[in-house]
Amino acid sequence: VKISPYRTISFGIFLGAIIGLFGVGGGFLTTPFFVAFDRQNVKTAIGSSTALLLINAIVGIVGDFITSLYIDIFFVMIFLVGSFAGVWVGIIVKNRVSNSKLSMFFIWLVTSIGIGVLLKEIYSLCLNR
């Protein structure tokens, strides 16, 4: 599969801006992009996305420290305990599930989260009238 460096760089700029503005979006944007536009299989896209998220997170944390943004280190450390356990479970499940099932689950997950955020924002807007 031929990868377009211009398209990939353009998407990197877009993704970096979203992460910088909101601190979210990495995995939920990169994984579908890699599958849809670079035609990676889901498992490869997950691995590539995870590597990029690590690097982007390091850059973001350094930026937060430089701009004196407060980070609750105690909360982060406690959260990491659960997060590490979840990552290991996810890796085990990913290695036992087919690409097509992973794709369907991911589509369901992203759609559900999107609908939930949309409904929350609509509710918020209605309360602020």
Protein backbone atom coordinates (compact mmCIF):
# COMPACT_ATOMS: atom_id res chain seq x y z
CA VAL A 1 0.00 0.00 0.00
CA LYS A 2 1.43 3.36 -1.00
CA ILE A 3 1.37 5.95 1.78
CA SER A 4 0.97 9.61 0.84
CA PRO A 5 3.41 11.63 2.96
CA TYR A 6 1.50 14.86 2.29
CA ARG A 7 -1.82 13.40 3.45
CA THR A 8 -0.16 11.81 6.47
CA ILE A 9 1.65 15.04 7.44
CA SER A 10 -1.58 17.03 6.97
CA PHE A 11 -3.43 14.63 9.24
CA GLY A 12 -0.57 14.84 11.77
CA ILE A 13 -0.92 18.63 11.87
CA PHE A 14 -4.71 18.33 12.31
CA LEU A 15 -4.36 15.69 15.04
CA GLY A 16 -1.63 17.64 16.84
CA ALA A 17 -3.85 20.73 16.89
CA ILE A 18 -6.80 18.75 18.31
CA ILE A 19 -4.61 17.17 21.00
CA GLY A 20 -3.04 20.55 21.84
CA LEU A 21 -6.41 22.31 22.07
CA PHE A 22 -8.43 19.70 23.91
CA GLY A 23 -6.03 17.04 25.17
CA VAL A 24 -8.15 14.35 23.51
CA GLY A 25 -8.63 12.61 20.23
CA GLY A 26 -5.44 10.71 19.61
CA GLY A 27 -6.45 7.06 19.42
CA PHE A 28 -10.00 7.72 18.33
CA LEU A 29 -8.79 9.71 15.35
CA THR A 30 -5.57 7.94 14.36
CA THR A 31 -6.80 4.35 14.38
CA PRO A 32 -9.72 4.93 11.97
CA PHE A 33 -7.48 7.14 9.79
CA PHE A 34 -4.85 4.42 9.52
CA VAL A 35 -7.48 1.81 8.64
CA ALA A 36 -9.48 3.95 6.20
CA PHE A 37 -6.81 5.97 4.42
CA ASP A 38 -3.56 4.07 4.84
CA ARG A 39 -5.34 0.69 4.59
CA GLN A 40 -3.64 -0.79 7.65
CA ASN A 41 -5.31 -3.73 9.34
CA VAL A 42 -6.86 -2.92 12.70
CA LYS A 43 -4.14 -4.57 14.81
CA THR A 44 -1.37 -2.68 12.97
CA ALA A 45 -3.34 0.57 13.24
CA ILE A 46 -3.75 0.06 17.01
CA GLY A 47 0.01 -0.49 17.43
CA SER A 48 0.92 2.50 15.25
CA SER A 49 -1.63 4.69 17.03
CA THR A 50 -0.35 3.67 20.46
CA ALA A 51 3.24 4.55 19.53
CA LEU A 52 2.12 7.97 18.27
CA LEU A 53 0.04 8.60 21.37
CA LEU A 54 3.03 7.94 23.60
CA ILE A 55 5.16 10.47 21.75
CA ASN A 56 2.34 13.07 21.57
CA ALA A 57 1.63 12.60 25.29
CA ILE A 58 5.26 13.24 26.20
CA VAL A 59 5.30 16.42 24.11
CA GLY A 60 2.00 17.52 25.71
CA ILE A 61 3.22 16.92 29.25
CA VAL A 62 6.43 18.86 28.60
CA GLY A 63 4.31 21.71 27.19
CA ASP A 64 2.05 21.66 30.26
CA PHE A 65 5.05 21.84 32.60
CA ILE A 66 6.59 24.70 30.59
CA THR A 67 3.35 26.70 30.75
CA SER A 68 2.99 25.97 34.50
CA LEU A 69 -0.25 24.03 34.12
CA TYR A 70 -0.97 22.14 37.32
CA ILE A 71 -0.93 18.34 37.06
CA ASP A 72 -2.29 16.27 39.96
CA ILE A 73 0.54 13.72 40.11
CA PHE A 74 -1.11 11.72 42.93
CA PHE A 75 -4.29 11.25 40.89
CA VAL A 76 -2.27 10.35 37.79
CA MET A 77 -0.29 7.68 39.67
CA ILE A 78 -3.43 6.09 41.12
CA PHE A 79 -5.15 6.16 37.73
CA LEU A 80 -2.12 4.50 36.10
CA VAL A 81 -2.53 1.43 38.32
CA GLY A 82 -5.96 0.74 36.85
CA SER A 83 -4.89 1.83 33.40
CA PHE A 84 -1.96 -0.60 33.29
CA ALA A 85 -4.24 -3.47 34.26
CA GLY A 86 -6.71 -2.45 31.55
CA VAL A 87 -3.98 -2.23 28.93
CA TRP A 88 -2.83 -5.78 29.68
CA VAL A 89 -6.38 -7.08 29.42
CA GLY A 90 -6.82 -5.20 26.14
CA ILE A 91 -3.62 -6.66 24.69
CA ILE A 92 -4.66 -10.20 25.61
CA VAL A 93 -8.14 -9.74 24.09
CA LYS A 94 -6.75 -8.02 20.95
CA ASN A 95 -4.45 -10.98 20.29
CA ARG A 96 -7.36 -13.44 20.51
CA VAL A 97 -9.93 -11.55 18.40
CA SER A 98 -10.07 -11.24 14.61
CA ASN A 99 -9.52 -7.95 12.79
CA SER A 100 -13.14 -7.84 11.62
CA LYS A 101 -14.50 -8.26 15.16
CA LEU A 102 -12.10 -5.61 16.47
CA SER A 103 -13.25 -3.25 13.71
CA MET A 104 -16.92 -3.77 14.55
CA PHE A 105 -16.31 -3.27 18.27
CA PHE A 106 -14.32 -0.10 17.58
CA ILE A 107 -17.08 1.30 15.34
CA TRP A 108 -19.66 0.53 18.04
CA LEU A 109 -17.50 2.10 20.76
CA VAL A 110 -16.73 5.31 18.88
CA THR A 111 -20.36 5.70 17.79
CA SER A 112 -21.61 5.17 21.35
CA ILE A 113 -19.17 7.69 22.78
CA GLY A 114 -20.03 10.20 20.05
CA ILE A 115 -23.77 9.85 20.71
CA GLY A 116 -23.19 10.17 24.46
CA VAL A 117 -21.13 13.37 24.06
CA LEU A 118 -23.68 14.81 21.62
CA LEU A 119 -26.59 14.12 23.99
CA LYS A 120 -24.67 15.58 26.93
CA GLU A 121 -23.93 18.77 24.96
CA ILE A 122 -27.55 19.10 23.79
CA TYR A 123 -28.72 18.66 27.38
CA SER A 124 -26.19 21.28 28.54
CA LEU A 125 -27.37 23.73 25.89
CA CYS A 126 -31.00 23.24 26.88
CA LEU A 127 -30.22 23.93 30.56
CA ASN A 128 -28.31 27.14 29.76
CA ARG A 129 -31.18 28.83 27.90
